[in-house]
N, C-alpha and C. Protein backbone atom coordinates (compact mmCIF):
# COMPACT_ATOMS: atom_id res chain seq x y z
N MET A 1 2.12 117.54 -136.08
CA MET A 1 1.83 117.79 -134.52
C MET A 1 0.38 117.47 -134.28
N GLU A 2 0.17 116.59 -133.28
CA GLU A 2 -1.25 116.28 -132.97
C GLU A 2 -1.93 117.49 -132.21
N ARG A 3 -3.19 117.46 -132.27
CA ARG A 3 -3.98 118.47 -131.66
C ARG A 3 -4.19 118.32 -130.15
N TRP A 4 -4.17 119.32 -129.35
CA TRP A 4 -4.50 119.26 -127.98
C TRP A 4 -5.79 120.27 -127.85
N ARG A 5 -6.61 120.02 -126.97
CA ARG A 5 -7.64 120.93 -126.74
C ARG A 5 -7.70 121.33 -125.26
N LEU A 6 -8.11 122.64 -125.14
CA LEU A 6 -8.19 123.17 -123.78
C LEU A 6 -9.70 123.35 -123.39
N LEU A 7 -10.16 122.66 -122.47
CA LEU A 7 -11.50 122.92 -122.01
C LEU A 7 -11.50 123.87 -120.87
N ASP A 8 -11.97 125.15 -121.13
CA ASP A 8 -11.76 126.20 -120.13
C ASP A 8 -12.69 126.10 -118.89
N LEU A 9 -12.44 126.91 -117.87
CA LEU A 9 -13.02 126.76 -116.64
C LEU A 9 -14.49 126.35 -116.73
N TYR A 10 -14.77 125.20 -116.05
CA TYR A 10 -16.23 124.73 -116.10
C TYR A 10 -16.61 124.52 -114.62
N VAL A 11 -17.76 125.07 -114.21
CA VAL A 11 -18.20 124.92 -112.77
C VAL A 11 -19.36 123.85 -112.78
N ALA A 12 -19.19 122.80 -112.02
CA ALA A 12 -20.25 121.84 -111.81
C ALA A 12 -20.03 121.11 -110.57
N ASP A 13 -20.98 120.20 -110.24
CA ASP A 13 -20.88 119.37 -108.95
C ASP A 13 -19.76 118.28 -109.21
N ALA A 14 -19.47 117.72 -108.05
CA ALA A 14 -18.39 116.74 -108.01
C ALA A 14 -18.70 115.49 -108.99
N TYR A 15 -19.94 115.07 -108.99
CA TYR A 15 -20.21 113.86 -109.63
C TYR A 15 -20.09 114.17 -111.32
N THR A 16 -20.48 115.38 -111.53
CA THR A 16 -20.35 115.74 -113.07
C THR A 16 -18.90 115.80 -113.41
N GLN A 17 -18.03 116.50 -112.55
CA GLN A 17 -16.67 116.74 -112.75
C GLN A 17 -15.96 115.39 -112.98
N MET A 18 -16.23 114.52 -112.05
CA MET A 18 -15.44 113.13 -112.10
C MET A 18 -16.01 112.30 -113.35
N ALA A 19 -17.26 112.50 -113.69
CA ALA A 19 -17.82 111.80 -114.80
C ALA A 19 -17.16 112.32 -116.12
N LEU A 20 -17.01 113.63 -116.19
CA LEU A 20 -16.38 114.21 -117.40
C LEU A 20 -14.92 113.78 -117.56
N ASP A 21 -14.16 113.65 -116.43
CA ASP A 21 -12.83 113.22 -116.62
C ASP A 21 -12.87 111.76 -117.10
N GLU A 22 -13.69 110.92 -116.65
CA GLU A 22 -13.73 109.55 -117.13
C GLU A 22 -14.27 109.46 -118.53
N ALA A 23 -15.32 110.21 -118.94
CA ALA A 23 -15.66 110.20 -120.31
C ALA A 23 -14.67 110.69 -121.29
N ILE A 24 -13.97 111.69 -120.84
CA ILE A 24 -12.91 112.26 -121.72
C ILE A 24 -11.79 111.13 -121.86
N LEU A 25 -11.44 110.46 -120.78
CA LEU A 25 -10.43 109.30 -120.83
C LEU A 25 -10.91 108.28 -121.86
N ARG A 26 -12.17 107.90 -121.94
CA ARG A 26 -12.73 106.93 -122.76
C ARG A 26 -12.67 107.41 -124.24
N ALA A 27 -13.03 108.66 -124.42
CA ALA A 27 -13.04 109.20 -125.75
C ALA A 27 -11.63 109.34 -126.34
N VAL A 28 -10.74 109.74 -125.56
CA VAL A 28 -9.29 109.79 -126.00
C VAL A 28 -8.89 108.35 -126.31
N SER A 29 -9.11 107.40 -125.52
CA SER A 29 -8.70 105.95 -125.70
C SER A 29 -9.41 105.39 -127.05
N GLU A 30 -10.50 105.85 -127.42
CA GLU A 30 -11.18 105.43 -128.63
C GLU A 30 -10.93 106.29 -129.82
N GLY A 31 -10.03 107.26 -129.67
CA GLY A 31 -9.58 108.16 -130.79
C GLY A 31 -10.82 109.19 -131.16
N GLU A 32 -11.68 109.38 -130.33
CA GLU A 32 -12.77 110.23 -130.57
C GLU A 32 -12.62 111.65 -130.04
N ALA A 33 -11.50 111.85 -129.25
CA ALA A 33 -11.18 113.15 -128.66
C ALA A 33 -9.68 113.34 -128.73
N PRO A 34 -9.17 114.58 -128.89
CA PRO A 34 -7.78 114.82 -128.87
C PRO A 34 -7.27 114.82 -127.48
N ASN A 35 -5.95 114.92 -127.29
CA ASN A 35 -5.39 115.09 -125.94
C ASN A 35 -6.06 116.35 -125.36
N THR A 36 -6.33 116.24 -124.09
CA THR A 36 -7.22 117.27 -123.43
C THR A 36 -6.57 117.87 -122.15
N ILE A 37 -6.65 119.14 -122.03
CA ILE A 37 -6.32 119.74 -120.70
C ILE A 37 -7.65 120.41 -120.32
N ARG A 38 -8.19 120.14 -119.10
CA ARG A 38 -9.49 120.71 -118.59
C ARG A 38 -9.19 121.44 -117.37
N LEU A 39 -9.81 122.58 -117.21
CA LEU A 39 -9.82 123.40 -115.90
C LEU A 39 -11.27 123.39 -115.42
N TYR A 40 -11.43 123.13 -114.13
CA TYR A 40 -12.75 123.21 -113.46
C TYR A 40 -12.74 123.61 -111.95
N ARG A 41 -13.94 123.94 -111.57
CA ARG A 41 -14.18 124.26 -110.12
C ARG A 41 -15.40 123.44 -109.80
N TRP A 42 -15.46 123.19 -108.42
CA TRP A 42 -16.53 122.38 -107.79
C TRP A 42 -17.60 123.18 -107.16
N LYS A 43 -18.86 122.96 -107.53
CA LYS A 43 -19.89 123.76 -106.89
C LYS A 43 -21.12 122.74 -106.71
N PRO A 44 -21.43 122.48 -105.50
CA PRO A 44 -20.88 122.90 -104.19
C PRO A 44 -19.38 122.40 -103.92
N SER A 45 -18.87 122.94 -102.89
CA SER A 45 -17.60 122.33 -102.49
C SER A 45 -17.64 120.95 -102.25
N ALA A 46 -16.64 120.11 -102.32
CA ALA A 46 -16.64 118.72 -102.21
C ALA A 46 -15.49 118.03 -101.68
N VAL A 47 -15.63 116.80 -101.28
CA VAL A 47 -14.49 115.92 -100.79
C VAL A 47 -14.45 114.84 -101.85
N SER A 48 -13.21 114.65 -102.49
CA SER A 48 -12.98 113.53 -103.29
C SER A 48 -12.11 112.55 -102.66
N ILE A 49 -12.34 111.26 -102.73
CA ILE A 49 -11.49 110.29 -102.15
C ILE A 49 -10.89 109.46 -103.21
N GLY A 50 -9.70 108.92 -102.98
CA GLY A 50 -8.90 108.10 -103.92
C GLY A 50 -9.66 106.78 -104.19
N TYR A 51 -9.33 106.27 -105.27
CA TYR A 51 -9.90 104.98 -105.84
C TYR A 51 -9.96 103.92 -104.80
N PHE A 52 -8.78 103.75 -104.07
CA PHE A 52 -8.64 102.64 -102.99
C PHE A 52 -9.07 102.93 -101.64
N GLN A 53 -9.59 104.14 -101.40
CA GLN A 53 -9.90 104.54 -100.08
C GLN A 53 -11.32 104.14 -99.66
N SER A 54 -11.52 104.07 -98.32
CA SER A 54 -12.85 103.76 -97.71
C SER A 54 -13.52 105.06 -97.32
N ILE A 55 -14.62 105.36 -98.01
CA ILE A 55 -15.26 106.58 -97.66
C ILE A 55 -15.71 106.72 -96.18
N GLU A 56 -16.11 105.63 -95.61
CA GLU A 56 -16.45 105.65 -94.13
C GLU A 56 -15.30 105.91 -93.27
N GLU A 57 -14.07 105.43 -93.66
CA GLU A 57 -12.93 105.75 -92.80
C GLU A 57 -12.22 107.14 -93.04
N GLU A 58 -12.51 107.68 -94.19
CA GLU A 58 -11.85 108.94 -94.54
C GLU A 58 -12.69 110.22 -94.40
N VAL A 59 -13.99 110.04 -94.37
CA VAL A 59 -14.86 111.20 -94.48
C VAL A 59 -15.92 111.18 -93.45
N ASP A 60 -16.25 112.35 -92.84
CA ASP A 60 -17.33 112.45 -91.94
C ASP A 60 -18.57 112.79 -92.71
N LEU A 61 -19.30 111.70 -93.14
CA LEU A 61 -20.39 111.93 -94.10
C LEU A 61 -21.49 112.76 -93.44
N GLU A 62 -21.78 112.61 -92.24
CA GLU A 62 -22.83 113.47 -91.57
C GLU A 62 -22.42 114.89 -91.61
N ALA A 63 -21.21 115.21 -91.37
CA ALA A 63 -20.76 116.68 -91.45
C ALA A 63 -20.83 117.21 -92.90
N CYS A 64 -20.49 116.27 -93.83
CA CYS A 64 -20.62 116.81 -95.28
C CYS A 64 -22.00 116.98 -95.61
N ARG A 65 -22.96 116.11 -95.21
CA ARG A 65 -24.39 116.32 -95.50
C ARG A 65 -24.83 117.72 -94.87
N ARG A 66 -24.55 117.90 -93.60
CA ARG A 66 -24.98 119.04 -92.91
C ARG A 66 -24.46 120.36 -93.49
N LEU A 67 -23.28 120.32 -94.00
CA LEU A 67 -22.56 121.46 -94.64
C LEU A 67 -22.84 121.63 -96.10
N GLY A 68 -23.50 120.59 -96.69
CA GLY A 68 -23.83 120.67 -98.17
C GLY A 68 -22.57 120.43 -98.99
N VAL A 69 -21.70 119.61 -98.49
CA VAL A 69 -20.44 119.28 -99.18
C VAL A 69 -20.64 117.91 -99.88
N ASP A 70 -20.46 117.87 -101.23
CA ASP A 70 -20.55 116.53 -101.96
C ASP A 70 -19.36 115.81 -101.58
N VAL A 71 -19.62 114.29 -101.73
CA VAL A 71 -18.52 113.40 -101.62
C VAL A 71 -18.48 112.54 -102.73
N VAL A 72 -17.37 112.34 -103.40
CA VAL A 72 -17.26 111.61 -104.64
C VAL A 72 -15.96 110.75 -104.56
N ARG A 73 -16.06 109.62 -105.33
CA ARG A 73 -14.79 108.78 -105.50
C ARG A 73 -14.10 109.22 -106.84
N ARG A 74 -12.82 109.43 -106.84
CA ARG A 74 -12.08 109.59 -108.05
C ARG A 74 -11.68 108.23 -108.68
N ILE A 75 -11.30 108.30 -109.98
CA ILE A 75 -10.73 107.03 -110.54
C ILE A 75 -9.26 107.00 -110.40
N THR A 76 -8.74 108.01 -109.75
CA THR A 76 -7.36 108.03 -109.52
C THR A 76 -7.06 107.69 -108.05
N GLY A 77 -5.77 107.40 -107.70
CA GLY A 77 -5.44 107.03 -106.37
C GLY A 77 -5.24 108.29 -105.44
N GLY A 78 -4.56 107.98 -104.37
CA GLY A 78 -4.29 109.21 -103.56
C GLY A 78 -5.30 109.33 -102.37
N GLY A 79 -5.07 110.30 -101.60
CA GLY A 79 -5.79 110.64 -100.34
C GLY A 79 -7.03 111.46 -100.61
N ALA A 80 -7.80 111.59 -99.59
CA ALA A 80 -8.99 112.52 -99.51
C ALA A 80 -8.59 113.95 -99.75
N VAL A 81 -9.29 114.62 -100.46
CA VAL A 81 -9.07 116.11 -100.77
C VAL A 81 -10.30 116.83 -100.71
N TYR A 82 -10.22 117.98 -99.93
CA TYR A 82 -11.37 118.93 -99.95
C TYR A 82 -11.19 119.99 -101.04
N HIS A 83 -12.25 120.15 -101.85
CA HIS A 83 -12.22 121.07 -103.00
C HIS A 83 -13.13 122.15 -102.69
N ASP A 84 -12.58 123.33 -102.41
CA ASP A 84 -13.34 124.49 -102.02
C ASP A 84 -13.78 125.28 -103.29
N TYR A 85 -14.96 125.58 -103.33
CA TYR A 85 -15.46 126.35 -104.50
C TYR A 85 -14.80 127.69 -104.68
N ASP A 86 -14.62 128.35 -103.51
CA ASP A 86 -14.01 129.78 -103.47
C ASP A 86 -12.52 129.73 -103.65
N GLY A 87 -11.78 128.61 -103.36
CA GLY A 87 -10.37 128.76 -103.20
C GLY A 87 -9.59 127.81 -104.13
N GLU A 88 -10.24 127.26 -105.07
CA GLU A 88 -9.36 126.13 -105.88
C GLU A 88 -9.78 126.13 -107.31
N ILE A 89 -8.89 125.88 -108.08
CA ILE A 89 -9.11 125.47 -109.55
C ILE A 89 -8.46 124.11 -109.67
N THR A 90 -9.16 123.18 -110.34
CA THR A 90 -8.65 121.84 -110.53
C THR A 90 -8.34 121.73 -112.05
N TYR A 91 -7.37 120.86 -112.37
CA TYR A 91 -7.06 120.65 -113.77
C TYR A 91 -7.05 119.13 -113.97
N SER A 92 -7.22 118.76 -115.14
CA SER A 92 -7.02 117.42 -115.61
C SER A 92 -6.21 117.39 -116.99
N LEU A 93 -5.38 116.53 -117.07
CA LEU A 93 -4.61 116.24 -118.36
C LEU A 93 -4.83 114.81 -118.79
N ILE A 94 -5.34 114.62 -120.03
CA ILE A 94 -5.69 113.32 -120.55
C ILE A 94 -5.05 113.08 -121.87
N ALA A 95 -4.21 112.10 -121.99
CA ALA A 95 -3.46 111.87 -123.20
C ALA A 95 -3.04 110.35 -123.31
N PRO A 96 -2.86 109.95 -124.52
CA PRO A 96 -2.42 108.51 -124.58
C PRO A 96 -1.12 108.17 -124.03
N GLU A 97 -1.02 106.97 -123.41
CA GLU A 97 0.19 106.66 -122.71
C GLU A 97 1.42 106.71 -123.61
N ASP A 98 1.23 106.50 -124.91
CA ASP A 98 2.34 106.43 -125.81
C ASP A 98 2.74 107.86 -126.32
N ASP A 99 2.15 108.97 -125.83
CA ASP A 99 2.55 110.29 -126.18
C ASP A 99 4.11 110.44 -125.75
N PRO A 100 4.90 110.85 -126.59
CA PRO A 100 6.33 110.88 -126.34
C PRO A 100 6.77 111.80 -125.27
N ARG A 101 5.86 112.82 -124.93
CA ARG A 101 6.12 113.87 -123.90
C ARG A 101 5.82 113.31 -122.53
N ILE A 102 5.03 112.18 -122.39
CA ILE A 102 4.67 111.71 -121.06
C ILE A 102 5.47 110.41 -120.81
N PRO A 103 6.44 110.42 -119.92
CA PRO A 103 7.13 109.29 -119.53
C PRO A 103 6.27 108.07 -119.12
N ARG A 104 6.79 106.96 -119.52
CA ARG A 104 6.00 105.66 -119.00
C ARG A 104 6.24 105.47 -117.55
N ASP A 105 7.38 105.88 -117.04
CA ASP A 105 7.67 105.74 -115.62
C ASP A 105 6.79 106.74 -114.86
N ILE A 106 6.03 106.27 -113.91
CA ILE A 106 4.95 107.03 -113.24
C ILE A 106 5.67 108.24 -112.42
N PRO A 107 6.59 107.93 -111.62
CA PRO A 107 7.23 109.09 -110.92
C PRO A 107 7.77 110.13 -111.93
N GLU A 108 8.43 109.74 -112.92
CA GLU A 108 9.02 110.64 -113.94
C GLU A 108 7.87 111.46 -114.56
N SER A 109 6.71 110.75 -114.87
CA SER A 109 5.54 111.40 -115.58
C SER A 109 5.00 112.50 -114.62
N TYR A 110 4.96 112.21 -113.33
CA TYR A 110 4.52 113.32 -112.33
C TYR A 110 5.45 114.48 -112.39
N ARG A 111 6.80 114.18 -112.49
CA ARG A 111 7.79 115.31 -112.57
C ARG A 111 7.54 116.11 -113.75
N VAL A 112 7.37 115.50 -114.87
CA VAL A 112 7.27 116.23 -116.16
C VAL A 112 5.92 117.10 -116.13
N ILE A 113 4.77 116.44 -115.79
CA ILE A 113 3.62 117.11 -115.91
C ILE A 113 3.48 118.23 -114.80
N CYS A 114 3.86 117.88 -113.51
CA CYS A 114 3.87 118.89 -112.48
C CYS A 114 4.94 119.98 -112.79
N GLY A 115 5.99 119.67 -113.50
CA GLY A 115 6.99 120.70 -113.96
C GLY A 115 6.33 121.80 -114.84
N CYS A 116 5.36 121.37 -115.64
CA CYS A 116 4.62 122.43 -116.39
C CYS A 116 3.89 123.32 -115.50
N LEU A 117 3.28 122.79 -114.50
CA LEU A 117 2.62 123.63 -113.54
C LEU A 117 3.52 124.57 -112.77
N VAL A 118 4.69 123.99 -112.33
CA VAL A 118 5.69 124.93 -111.66
C VAL A 118 6.09 126.14 -112.54
N ARG A 119 6.41 125.68 -113.87
CA ARG A 119 6.64 126.87 -114.79
C ARG A 119 5.55 127.88 -114.92
N ALA A 120 4.29 127.41 -114.94
CA ALA A 120 3.18 128.39 -114.94
C ALA A 120 3.05 129.25 -113.85
N PHE A 121 3.32 128.62 -112.60
CA PHE A 121 3.35 129.50 -111.37
C PHE A 121 4.50 130.57 -111.47
N GLU A 122 5.70 130.05 -112.04
CA GLU A 122 6.84 131.05 -112.05
C GLU A 122 6.51 132.15 -113.03
N HIS A 123 5.75 131.91 -114.11
CA HIS A 123 5.24 133.03 -115.10
C HIS A 123 4.45 133.97 -114.30
N LEU A 124 3.71 133.44 -113.28
CA LEU A 124 2.90 134.45 -112.37
C LEU A 124 3.65 135.19 -111.28
N GLY A 125 5.04 134.89 -111.33
CA GLY A 125 5.93 135.56 -110.34
C GLY A 125 5.97 134.83 -108.98
N LEU A 126 5.57 133.57 -108.96
CA LEU A 126 5.59 132.69 -107.74
C LEU A 126 6.64 131.65 -107.91
N LYS A 127 7.47 131.56 -106.78
CA LYS A 127 8.52 130.55 -106.85
C LYS A 127 8.01 129.20 -106.37
N ALA A 128 7.68 128.37 -107.31
CA ALA A 128 7.16 127.06 -106.95
C ALA A 128 8.28 126.01 -107.17
N GLU A 129 8.00 124.83 -106.48
CA GLU A 129 8.95 123.71 -106.58
C GLU A 129 8.12 122.47 -106.55
N PHE A 130 8.63 121.41 -107.23
CA PHE A 130 8.03 120.13 -107.31
C PHE A 130 8.69 119.27 -106.24
N ARG A 131 7.78 118.63 -105.35
CA ARG A 131 8.24 117.70 -104.44
C ARG A 131 7.74 116.29 -104.67
N PRO A 132 8.65 115.31 -105.04
CA PRO A 132 8.24 114.01 -105.46
C PRO A 132 7.38 113.34 -104.39
N ILE A 133 6.43 112.62 -104.62
CA ILE A 133 6.14 112.04 -105.89
C ILE A 133 5.18 112.97 -106.67
N ASN A 134 4.27 113.76 -106.04
CA ASN A 134 3.29 114.37 -106.78
C ASN A 134 2.78 115.63 -106.14
N ASP A 135 3.61 116.44 -105.47
CA ASP A 135 3.19 117.68 -104.91
C ASP A 135 3.87 118.86 -105.43
N ILE A 136 3.29 120.07 -105.40
CA ILE A 136 3.93 121.38 -105.84
C ILE A 136 3.85 122.15 -104.55
N LEU A 137 4.96 122.86 -104.28
CA LEU A 137 4.95 123.68 -103.07
C LEU A 137 5.40 125.16 -103.43
N ILE A 138 4.83 126.08 -102.72
CA ILE A 138 5.35 127.48 -102.79
C ILE A 138 5.58 127.83 -101.32
N GLY A 139 6.79 128.45 -101.12
CA GLY A 139 7.18 128.86 -99.80
C GLY A 139 7.26 127.73 -98.75
N GLY A 140 7.47 126.57 -99.21
CA GLY A 140 7.63 125.39 -98.43
C GLY A 140 6.25 124.75 -98.01
N ARG A 141 5.17 125.39 -98.62
CA ARG A 141 3.80 124.84 -98.23
C ARG A 141 3.15 124.14 -99.49
N LYS A 142 2.54 123.02 -99.35
CA LYS A 142 1.87 122.32 -100.42
C LYS A 142 0.78 123.15 -100.93
N ILE A 143 0.72 123.51 -102.26
CA ILE A 143 -0.44 124.18 -102.88
C ILE A 143 -1.06 123.38 -103.95
N SER A 144 -0.45 122.26 -104.23
CA SER A 144 -1.10 121.32 -105.28
C SER A 144 -0.77 119.89 -104.99
N GLY A 145 -1.82 119.12 -104.94
CA GLY A 145 -1.59 117.60 -104.92
C GLY A 145 -2.06 117.08 -106.31
N ASN A 146 -1.50 116.00 -106.71
CA ASN A 146 -1.85 115.43 -108.05
C ASN A 146 -2.07 113.96 -107.94
N ALA A 147 -2.95 113.41 -108.69
CA ALA A 147 -3.16 111.95 -108.76
C ALA A 147 -3.27 111.44 -110.17
N GLN A 148 -3.05 110.21 -110.41
CA GLN A 148 -2.89 109.81 -111.73
C GLN A 148 -3.55 108.31 -111.88
N THR A 149 -4.06 108.08 -113.01
CA THR A 149 -4.38 106.65 -113.32
C THR A 149 -4.11 106.41 -114.84
N ARG A 150 -3.86 105.22 -115.11
CA ARG A 150 -3.57 104.76 -116.53
C ARG A 150 -4.48 103.65 -116.82
N ARG A 151 -5.35 103.92 -117.74
CA ARG A 151 -6.44 102.99 -118.21
C ARG A 151 -6.69 103.03 -119.66
N ARG A 152 -6.93 101.92 -120.33
CA ARG A 152 -7.32 101.84 -121.71
C ARG A 152 -6.27 102.57 -122.56
N GLY A 153 -4.92 102.50 -122.14
CA GLY A 153 -3.85 103.02 -122.93
C GLY A 153 -3.73 104.53 -122.79
N VAL A 154 -4.43 105.25 -121.77
CA VAL A 154 -4.47 106.57 -121.60
C VAL A 154 -4.05 107.01 -120.21
N VAL A 155 -3.27 108.12 -120.11
CA VAL A 155 -3.00 108.63 -118.81
C VAL A 155 -3.96 109.90 -118.47
N LEU A 156 -4.58 109.77 -117.28
CA LEU A 156 -5.28 110.82 -116.68
C LEU A 156 -4.54 111.29 -115.43
N GLN A 157 -4.17 112.57 -115.43
CA GLN A 157 -3.68 113.16 -114.16
C GLN A 157 -4.44 114.42 -113.92
N HIS A 158 -4.92 114.52 -112.62
CA HIS A 158 -5.59 115.70 -112.19
C HIS A 158 -5.02 116.08 -110.94
N GLY A 159 -5.24 117.39 -110.65
CA GLY A 159 -4.61 118.06 -109.44
C GLY A 159 -5.35 119.29 -109.17
N THR A 160 -5.04 119.86 -107.95
CA THR A 160 -5.54 121.06 -107.48
C THR A 160 -4.62 122.20 -107.73
């Protein structure tokens, strides 16, 4: 059985958090790091935008500057996300694409990975459900959005 590592809750700015996800992806792809699950928080609060989005169209940069909110681009797709220091924990899962537990089909891989989060919420006594393609709901309200990229033979999925 291969090793997994858990990098426990780490607090840093948005630029450091996104750089760490990308650095771990590269290290896993080069065989220098095991499959990794990482938990983190954003300080200061931040807005992350998807790889294909326009910062100018998605974010009020002046308001972010005025409020001290970082703005960073993710290497994953998806929409703009506000990451509140006081109200959110983010995770990332990084593993080789050929890991037999991670389906090659992207919608199915979201179902499998998000399913682990749903079960974790259920262990906490919360009735969670997966809503395709990449959301988790509690009480009909979205509490987790997830995004994924596949590069260098590695899957990176992160979510709130």
